[in-house]
Amino acid sequence: MSGDGRIDVSPDGKRLLLSIDMGEESGRKDWDGPLPALWSFDIGSQKATRLTPKKLFGWDGVWIDNNNILFLSNGWRKE
């Protein structure tokens, strides 16, 4: 995770929401820098799940409640 990453703990304390700059190429002319993605990490099972697909850039995620998040995004645009 880069220095720009962010971690938010779910209200019930069972999951982490990770905003991570991935080491992947975006393949987009309108984006400069690493591809941002959101992941959920279940503390009990130690399982990470990517929440944003590769074409939807997501960052700065926060928990609204135990099942919903809010985040900034930049979707794919057709040229």
PDB file of N, CA and C in Angstrom:
ATOM      1  N   MET A   1       0.858  -1.169   0.000  1.00  0.00           N
ATOM      2  CA  MET A   1       0.000   0.000   0.000  1.00  0.00           C
ATOM      3  C   MET A   1       0.902   1.228   0.000  1.00  0.00           C
ATOM      4  N   SER A   2       0.544   2.200  -0.797  1.00  0.00           N
ATOM      5  CA  SER A   2       1.356   3.408  -0.872  1.00  0.00           C
ATOM      6  C   SER A   2       1.068   4.328   0.306  1.00  0.00           C
ATOM      7  N   GLY A   3       1.789   5.406   0.381  1.00  0.00           N
ATOM      8  CA  GLY A   3       1.574   6.389   1.429  1.00  0.00           C
ATOM      9  C   GLY A   3       0.234   7.097   1.320  1.00  0.00           C
ATOM     10  N   ASP A   4      -0.419   6.969   0.172  1.00  0.00           N
ATOM     11  CA  ASP A   4      -1.723   7.594  -0.030  1.00  0.00           C
ATOM     12  C   ASP A   4      -2.867   6.682   0.378  1.00  0.00           C
ATOM     13  N   GLY A   5      -2.586   5.471   0.865  1.00  0.00           N
ATOM     14  CA  GLY A   5      -3.628   4.525   1.248  1.00  0.00           C
ATOM     15  C   GLY A   5      -4.390   4.992   2.472  1.00  0.00           C
ATOM     16  N   ARG A   6      -5.579   4.415   2.643  1.00  0.00           N
ATOM     17  CA  ARG A   6      -6.424   4.769   3.781  1.00  0.00           C
ATOM     18  C   ARG A   6      -7.063   3.495   4.310  1.00  0.00           C
ATOM     19  N   ILE A   7      -7.207   3.400   5.632  1.00  0.00           N
ATOM     20  CA  ILE A   7      -7.854   2.258   6.278  1.00  0.00           C
ATOM     21  C   ILE A   7      -8.961   2.783   7.174  1.00  0.00           C
ATOM     22  N   ASP A   8     -10.161   2.161   7.086  1.00  0.00           N
ATOM     23  CA  ASP A   8     -11.286   2.534   7.937  1.00  0.00           C
ATOM     24  C   ASP A   8     -11.863   1.253   8.545  1.00  0.00           C
ATOM     25  N   VAL A   9     -12.098   1.255   9.842  1.00  0.00           N
ATOM     26  CA  VAL A   9     -12.641   0.091  10.553  1.00  0.00           C
ATOM     27  C   VAL A   9     -14.163   0.154  10.523  1.00  0.00           C
ATOM     28  N   SER A  10     -14.809  -0.990  10.234  1.00  0.00           N
ATOM     29  CA  SER A  10     -16.274  -1.038  10.225  1.00  0.00           C
ATOM     30  C   SER A  10     -16.804  -0.751  11.628  1.00  0.00           C
ATOM     31  N   PRO A  11     -18.045  -0.243  11.733  1.00  0.00           N
ATOM     32  CA  PRO A  11     -18.606   0.066  13.049  1.00  0.00           C
ATOM     33  C   PRO A  11     -18.614  -1.120  14.015  1.00  0.00           C
ATOM     34  N   ASP A  12     -18.786  -2.357  13.491  1.00  0.00           N
ATOM     35  CA  ASP A  12     -18.789  -3.532  14.373  1.00  0.00           C
ATOM     36  C   ASP A  12     -17.382  -4.055  14.656  1.00  0.00           C
ATOM     37  N   GLY A  13     -16.366  -3.456  14.035  1.00  0.00           N
ATOM     38  CA  GLY A  13     -14.978  -3.837  14.276  1.00  0.00           C
ATOM     39  C   GLY A  13     -14.551  -5.139  13.628  1.00  0.00           C
ATOM     40  N   LYS A  14     -15.369  -5.695  12.723  1.00  0.00           N
ATOM     41  CA  LYS A  14     -15.059  -6.990  12.114  1.00  0.00           C
ATOM     42  C   LYS A  14     -14.356  -6.889  10.766  1.00  0.00           C
ATOM     43  N   ARG A  15     -14.416  -5.728  10.114  1.00  0.00           N
ATOM     44  CA  ARG A  15     -13.829  -5.580   8.782  1.00  0.00           C
ATOM     45  C   ARG A  15     -13.078  -4.260   8.659  1.00  0.00           C
ATOM     46  N   LEU A  16     -12.131  -4.272   7.749  1.00  0.00           N
ATOM     47  CA  LEU A  16     -11.395  -3.065   7.395  1.00  0.00           C
ATOM     48  C   LEU A  16     -11.760  -2.694   5.967  1.00  0.00           C
ATOM     49  N   LEU A  17     -11.864  -1.412   5.706  1.00  0.00           N
ATOM     50  CA  LEU A  17     -12.048  -0.905   4.353  1.00  0.00           C
ATOM     51  C   LEU A  17     -10.732  -0.260   3.956  1.00  0.00           C
ATOM     52  N   LEU A  18     -10.124  -0.774   2.897  1.00  0.00           N
ATOM     53  CA  LEU A  18      -8.803  -0.330   2.470  1.00  0.00           C
ATOM     54  C   LEU A  18      -8.900   0.419   1.152  1.00  0.00           C
ATOM     55  N   SER A  19      -8.374   1.623   1.107  1.00  0.00           N
ATOM     56  CA  SER A  19      -8.228   2.385  -0.132  1.00  0.00           C
ATOM     57  C   SER A  19      -6.761   2.269  -0.512  1.00  0.00           C
ATOM     58  N   ILE A  20      -6.494   1.575  -1.619  1.00  0.00           N
ATOM     59  CA  ILE A  20      -5.122   1.222  -1.973  1.00  0.00           C
ATOM     60  C   ILE A  20      -4.796   1.690  -3.387  1.00  0.00           C
ATOM     61  N   ASP A  21      -3.615   2.268  -3.569  1.00  0.00           N
ATOM     62  CA  ASP A  21      -3.110   2.551  -4.907  1.00  0.00           C
ATOM     63  C   ASP A  21      -2.466   1.265  -5.409  1.00  0.00           C
ATOM     64  N   MET A  22      -3.092   0.660  -6.419  1.00  0.00           N
ATOM     65  CA  MET A  22      -2.639  -0.630  -6.932  1.00  0.00           C
ATOM     66  C   MET A  22      -1.424  -0.447  -7.841  1.00  0.00           C
ATOM     67  N   GLY A  23      -0.639  -1.493  -7.975  1.00  0.00           N
ATOM     68  CA  GLY A  23       0.503  -1.484  -8.868  1.00  0.00           C
ATOM     69  C   GLY A  23       0.098  -1.944 -10.258  1.00  0.00           C
ATOM     70  N   GLU A  24      -1.046  -1.465 -10.737  1.00  0.00           N
ATOM     71  CA  GLU A  24      -1.571  -1.854 -12.046  1.00  0.00           C
ATOM     72  C   GLU A  24      -1.618  -0.625 -12.945  1.00  0.00           C
ATOM     73  N   GLU A  25      -1.479  -0.850 -14.231  1.00  0.00           N
ATOM     74  CA  GLU A  25      -1.622   0.234 -15.195  1.00  0.00           C
ATOM     75  C   GLU A  25      -3.105   0.497 -15.412  1.00  0.00           C
ATOM     76  N   SER A  26      -3.477   1.759 -15.466  1.00  0.00           N
ATOM     77  CA  SER A  26      -4.885   2.101 -15.656  1.00  0.00           C
ATOM     78  C   SER A  26      -5.313   1.916 -17.104  1.00  0.00           C
ATOM     79  N   GLY A  27      -4.397   2.113 -18.033  1.00  0.00           N
ATOM     80  CA  GLY A  27      -4.744   2.009 -19.441  1.00  0.00           C
ATOM     81  C   GLY A  27      -5.628   3.160 -19.911  1.00  0.00           C
ATOM     82  N   ARG A  28      -5.674   4.227 -19.140  1.00  0.00           N
ATOM     83  CA  ARG A  28      -6.533   5.365 -19.481  1.00  0.00           C
ATOM     84  C   ARG A  28      -5.691   6.610 -19.727  1.00  0.00           C
ATOM     85  N   LYS A  29      -6.021   7.317 -20.786  1.00  0.00           N
ATOM     86  CA  LYS A  29      -5.305   8.550 -21.119  1.00  0.00           C
ATOM     87  C   LYS A  29      -5.669   9.685 -20.170  1.00  0.00           C
ATOM     88  N   ASP A  30      -6.848   9.598 -19.537  1.00  0.00           N
ATOM     89  CA  ASP A  30      -7.320  10.683 -18.671  1.00  0.00           C
ATOM     90  C   ASP A  30      -6.935  10.489 -17.205  1.00  0.00           C
ATOM     91  N   TRP A  31      -6.025   9.539 -16.924  1.00  0.00           N
ATOM     92  CA  TRP A  31      -5.649   9.275 -15.536  1.00  0.00           C
ATOM     93  C   TRP A  31      -4.139   9.199 -15.429  1.00  0.00           C
ATOM     94  N   ASP A  32      -3.568   9.972 -14.519  1.00  0.00           N
ATOM     95  CA  ASP A  32      -2.130   9.968 -14.305  1.00  0.00           C
ATOM     96  C   ASP A  32      -1.850   9.449 -12.900  1.00  0.00           C
ATOM     97  N   GLY A  33      -1.143   8.363 -12.797  1.00  0.00           N
ATOM     98  CA  GLY A  33      -0.817   7.807 -11.488  1.00  0.00           C
ATOM     99  C   GLY A  33      -1.333   6.390 -11.331  1.00  0.00           C
ATOM    100  N   PRO A  34      -1.109   5.821 -10.150  1.00  0.00           N
ATOM    101  CA  PRO A  34      -1.524   4.440  -9.910  1.00  0.00           C
ATOM    102  C   PRO A  34      -3.043   4.306  -9.844  1.00  0.00           C
ATOM    103  N   LEU A  35      -3.513   3.130 -10.163  1.00  0.00           N
ATOM    104  CA  LEU A  35      -4.937   2.832 -10.156  1.00  0.00           C
ATOM    105  C   LEU A  35      -5.423   2.661  -8.715  1.00  0.00           C
ATOM    106  N   PRO A  36      -6.394   3.474  -8.259  1.00  0.00           N
ATOM    107  CA  PRO A  36      -6.906   3.328  -6.895  1.00  0.00           C
ATOM    108  C   PRO A  36      -8.026   2.295  -6.831  1.00  0.00           C
ATOM    109  N   ALA A  37      -8.056   1.504  -5.782  1.00  0.00           N
ATOM    110  CA  ALA A  37      -9.084   0.476  -5.620  1.00  0.00           C
ATOM    111  C   ALA A  37      -9.494   0.368  -4.157  1.00  0.00           C
ATOM    112  N   LEU A  38     -10.714  -0.113  -3.937  1.00  0.00           N
ATOM    113  CA  LEU A  38     -11.222  -0.346  -2.585  1.00  0.00           C
ATOM    114  C   LEU A  38     -11.298  -1.840  -2.328  1.00  0.00           C
ATOM    115  N   TRP A  39     -10.860  -2.233  -1.155  1.00  0.00           N
ATOM    116  CA  TRP A  39     -10.885  -3.621  -0.720  1.00  0.00           C
ATOM    117  C   TRP A  39     -11.515  -3.700   0.661  1.00  0.00           C
ATOM    118  N   SER A  40     -12.169  -4.826   0.930  1.00  0.00           N
ATOM    119  CA  SER A  40     -12.678  -5.128   2.267  1.00  0.00           C
ATOM    120  C   SER A  40     -11.836  -6.276   2.814  1.00  0.00           C
ATOM    121  N   PHE A  41     -11.428  -6.165   4.067  1.00  0.00           N
ATOM    122  CA  PHE A  41     -10.643  -7.224   4.702  1.00  0.00           C
ATOM    123  C   PHE A  41     -11.385  -7.693   5.941  1.00  0.00           C
ATOM    124  N   ASP A  42     -11.794  -8.970   5.936  1.00  0.00           N
ATOM    125  CA  ASP A  42     -12.480  -9.570   7.082  1.00  0.00           C
ATOM    126  C   ASP A  42     -11.422 -10.008   8.090  1.00  0.00           C
ATOM    127  N   ILE A  43     -11.455  -9.423   9.268  1.00  0.00           N
ATOM    128  CA  ILE A  43     -10.425  -9.684  10.276  1.00  0.00           C
ATOM    129  C   ILE A  43     -10.478 -11.127  10.768  1.00  0.00           C
ATOM    130  N   GLY A  44     -11.679 -11.681  10.965  1.00  0.00           N
ATOM    131  CA  GLY A  44     -11.821 -13.046  11.472  1.00  0.00           C
ATOM    132  C   GLY A  44     -11.313 -14.104  10.515  1.00  0.00           C
ATOM    133  N   SER A  45     -11.691 -13.998   9.233  1.00  0.00           N
ATOM    134  CA  SER A  45     -11.301 -15.010   8.243  1.00  0.00           C
ATOM    135  C   SER A  45      -9.984 -14.678   7.553  1.00  0.00           C
ATOM    136  N   GLN A  46      -9.475 -13.446   7.743  1.00  0.00           N
ATOM    137  CA  GLN A  46      -8.248 -12.982   7.094  1.00  0.00           C
ATOM    138  C   GLN A  46      -8.393 -12.972   5.567  1.00  0.00           C
ATOM    139  N   LYS A  47      -9.627 -12.746   5.062  1.00  0.00           N
ATOM    140  CA  LYS A  47      -9.896 -12.760   3.624  1.00  0.00           C
ATOM    141  C   LYS A  47     -10.100 -11.335   3.113  1.00  0.00           C
ATOM    142  N   ALA A  48      -9.403 -11.016   2.016  1.00  0.00           N
ATOM    143  CA  ALA A  48      -9.553  -9.718   1.360  1.00  0.00           C
ATOM    144  C   ALA A  48     -10.403  -9.882   0.108  1.00  0.00           C
ATOM    145  N   THR A  49     -11.290  -8.915  -0.135  1.00  0.00           N
ATOM    146  CA  THR A  49     -12.160  -8.930  -1.302  1.00  0.00           C
ATOM    147  C   THR A  49     -12.101  -7.565  -1.978  1.00  0.00           C
ATOM    148  N   ARG A  50     -11.810  -7.572  -3.268  1.00  0.00           N
ATOM    149  CA  ARG A  50     -11.808  -6.308  -4.015  1.00  0.00           C
ATOM    150  C   ARG A  50     -13.250  -5.867  -4.232  1.00  0.00           C
ATOM    151  N   LEU A  51     -13.558  -4.625  -3.898  1.00  0.00           N
ATOM    152  CA  LEU A  51     -14.915  -4.102  -4.018  1.00  0.00           C
ATOM    153  C   LEU A  51     -15.139  -3.332  -5.318  1.00  0.00           C
ATOM    154  N   THR A  52     -14.122  -2.679  -5.828  1.00  0.00           N
ATOM    155  CA  THR A  52     -14.273  -1.903  -7.056  1.00  0.00           C
ATOM    156  C   THR A  52     -13.678  -2.662  -8.239  1.00  0.00           C
ATOM    157  N   PRO A  53     -14.429  -2.749  -9.349  1.00  0.00           N
ATOM    158  CA  PRO A  53     -13.861  -3.383 -10.539  1.00  0.00           C
ATOM    159  C   PRO A  53     -12.734  -2.521 -11.108  1.00  0.00           C
ATOM    160  N   LYS A  54     -11.899  -3.108 -11.957  1.00  0.00           N
ATOM    161  CA  LYS A  54     -10.723  -2.397 -12.471  1.00  0.00           C
ATOM    162  C   LYS A  54     -11.062  -1.127 -13.241  1.00  0.00           C
ATOM    163  N   LYS A  55     -12.220  -1.069 -13.873  1.00  0.00           N
ATOM    164  CA  LYS A  55     -12.570   0.126 -14.649  1.00  0.00           C
ATOM    165  C   LYS A  55     -13.214   1.221 -13.806  1.00  0.00           C
ATOM    166  N   LEU A  56     -13.502   0.947 -12.546  1.00  0.00           N
ATOM    167  CA  LEU A  56     -14.053   1.962 -11.646  1.00  0.00           C
ATOM    168  C   LEU A  56     -13.001   2.279 -10.596  1.00  0.00           C
ATOM    169  N   PHE A  57     -12.423   3.445 -10.690  1.00  0.00           N
ATOM    170  CA  PHE A  57     -11.406   3.847  -9.730  1.00  0.00           C
ATOM    171  C   PHE A  57     -12.106   4.351  -8.477  1.00  0.00           C
ATOM    172  N   GLY A  58     -11.778   3.789  -7.319  1.00  0.00           N
ATOM    173  CA  GLY A  58     -12.404   4.193  -6.066  1.00  0.00           C
ATOM    174  C   GLY A  58     -11.361   4.464  -4.999  1.00  0.00           C
ATOM    175  N   TRP A  59     -11.598   5.503  -4.182  1.00  0.00           N
ATOM    176  CA  TRP A  59     -10.649   5.848  -3.120  1.00  0.00           C
ATOM    177  C   TRP A  59     -11.367   6.591  -2.002  1.00  0.00           C
ATOM    178  N   ASP A  60     -10.655   6.776  -0.883  1.00  0.00           N
ATOM    179  CA  ASP A  60     -11.161   7.488   0.303  1.00  0.00           C
ATOM    180  C   ASP A  60     -12.482   6.914   0.811  1.00  0.00           C
ATOM    181  N   GLY A  61     -12.563   5.603   0.893  1.00  0.00           N
ATOM    182  CA  GLY A  61     -13.782   4.952   1.375  1.00  0.00           C
ATOM    183  C   GLY A  61     -13.964   5.067   2.881  1.00  0.00           C
ATOM    184  N   VAL A  62     -15.217   5.195   3.304  1.00  0.00           N
ATOM    185  CA  VAL A  62     -15.580   5.212   4.725  1.00  0.00           C
ATOM    186  C   VAL A  62     -16.834   4.364   4.911  1.00  0.00           C
ATOM    187  N   TRP A  63     -16.964   3.763   6.082  1.00  0.00           N
ATOM    188  CA  TRP A  63     -18.156   2.983   6.406  1.00  0.00           C
ATOM    189  C   TRP A  63     -19.295   3.931   6.777  1.00  0.00           C
ATOM    190  N   ILE A  64     -20.491   3.694   6.228  1.00  0.00           N
ATOM    191  CA  ILE A  64     -21.703   4.408   6.646  1.00  0.00           C
ATOM    192  C   ILE A  64     -22.342   3.636   7.791  1.00  0.00           C
ATOM    193  N   ASP A  65     -22.402   2.315   7.624  1.00  0.00           N
ATOM    194  CA  ASP A  65     -22.850   1.388   8.662  1.00  0.00           C
ATOM    195  C   ASP A  65     -22.115   0.078   8.407  1.00  0.00           C
ATOM    196  N   ASN A  66     -22.523  -1.023   9.018  1.00  0.00           N
ATOM    197  CA  ASN A  66     -21.789  -2.287   8.867  1.00  0.00           C
ATOM    198  C   ASN A  66     -21.841  -2.880   7.461  1.00  0.00           C
ATOM    199  N   ASN A  67     -22.779  -2.438   6.621  1.00  0.00           N
ATOM    200  CA  ASN A  67     -22.949  -3.040   5.299  1.00  0.00           C
ATOM    201  C   ASN A  67     -22.810  -2.076   4.132  1.00  0.00           C
ATOM    202  N   ASN A  68     -22.641  -0.796   4.386  1.00  0.00           N
ATOM    203  CA  ASN A  68     -22.595   0.190   3.309  1.00  0.00           C
ATOM    204  C   ASN A  68     -21.398   1.113   3.471  1.00  0.00           C
ATOM    205  N   ILE A  69     -20.828   1.476   2.311  1.00  0.00           N
ATOM    206  CA  ILE A  69     -19.684   2.381   2.307  1.00  0.00           C
ATOM    207  C   ILE A  69     -19.967   3.569   1.391  1.00  0.00           C
ATOM    208  N   LEU A  70     -19.198   4.609   1.589  1.00  0.00           N
ATOM    209  CA  LEU A  70     -19.245   5.797   0.750  1.00  0.00           C
ATOM    210  C   LEU A  70     -17.814   6.047   0.292  1.00  0.00           C
ATOM    211  N   PHE A  71     -17.633   6.354  -1.008  1.00  0.00           N
ATOM    212  CA  PHE A  71     -16.284   6.588  -1.509  1.00  0.00           C
ATOM    213  C   PHE A  71     -16.309   7.511  -2.717  1.00  0.00           C
ATOM    214  N   LEU A  72     -15.166   8.086  -3.017  1.00  0.00           N
ATOM    215  CA  LEU A  72     -14.987   8.886  -4.218  1.00  0.00           C
ATOM    216  C   LEU A  72     -14.671   7.946  -5.366  1.00  0.00           C
ATOM    217  N   SER A  73     -15.103   8.303  -6.578  1.00  0.00           N
ATOM    218  CA  SER A  73     -14.833   7.420  -7.711  1.00  0.00           C
ATOM    219  C   SER A  73     -14.659   8.204  -8.999  1.00  0.00           C
ATOM    220  N   ASN A  74     -14.064   7.522  -9.956  1.00  0.00           N
ATOM    221  CA  ASN A  74     -13.900   8.032 -11.301  1.00  0.00           C
ATOM    222  C   ASN A  74     -14.113   6.848 -12.216  1.00  0.00           C
ATOM    223  N   GLY A  75     -15.252   6.802 -12.863  1.00  0.00           N
ATOM    224  CA  GLY A  75     -15.587   5.675 -13.730  1.00  0.00           C
ATOM    225  C   GLY A  75     -14.945   5.783 -15.101  1.00  0.00           C
ATOM    226  N   TRP A  76     -15.067   4.723 -15.850  1.00  0.00           N
ATOM    227  CA  TRP A  76     -14.520   4.650 -17.192  1.00  0.00           C
ATOM    228  C   TRP A  76     -15.367   5.485 -18.131  1.00  0.00           C
ATOM    229  N   ARG A  77     -14.707   6.258 -18.997  1.00  0.00           N
ATOM    230  CA  ARG A  77     -15.415   7.074 -19.985  1.00  0.00           C
ATOM    231  C   ARG A  77     -15.137   6.544 -21.377  1.00  0.00           C
ATOM    232  N   LYS A  78     -16.172   6.479 -22.179  1.00  0.00           N
ATOM    233  CA  LYS A  78     -16.026   6.057 -23.566  1.00  0.00           C
ATOM    234  C   LYS A  78     -15.471   7.227 -24.372  1.00  0.00           C
ATOM    235  N   GLU A  79     -14.459   6.964 -25.178  1.00  0.00           N
ATOM    236  CA  GLU A  79     -13.856   8.047 -25.981  1.00  0.00           C
ATOM    237  C   GLU A  79     -14.402   8.028 -27.377  1.00  0.00           C
TER     238      GLU A  79
END
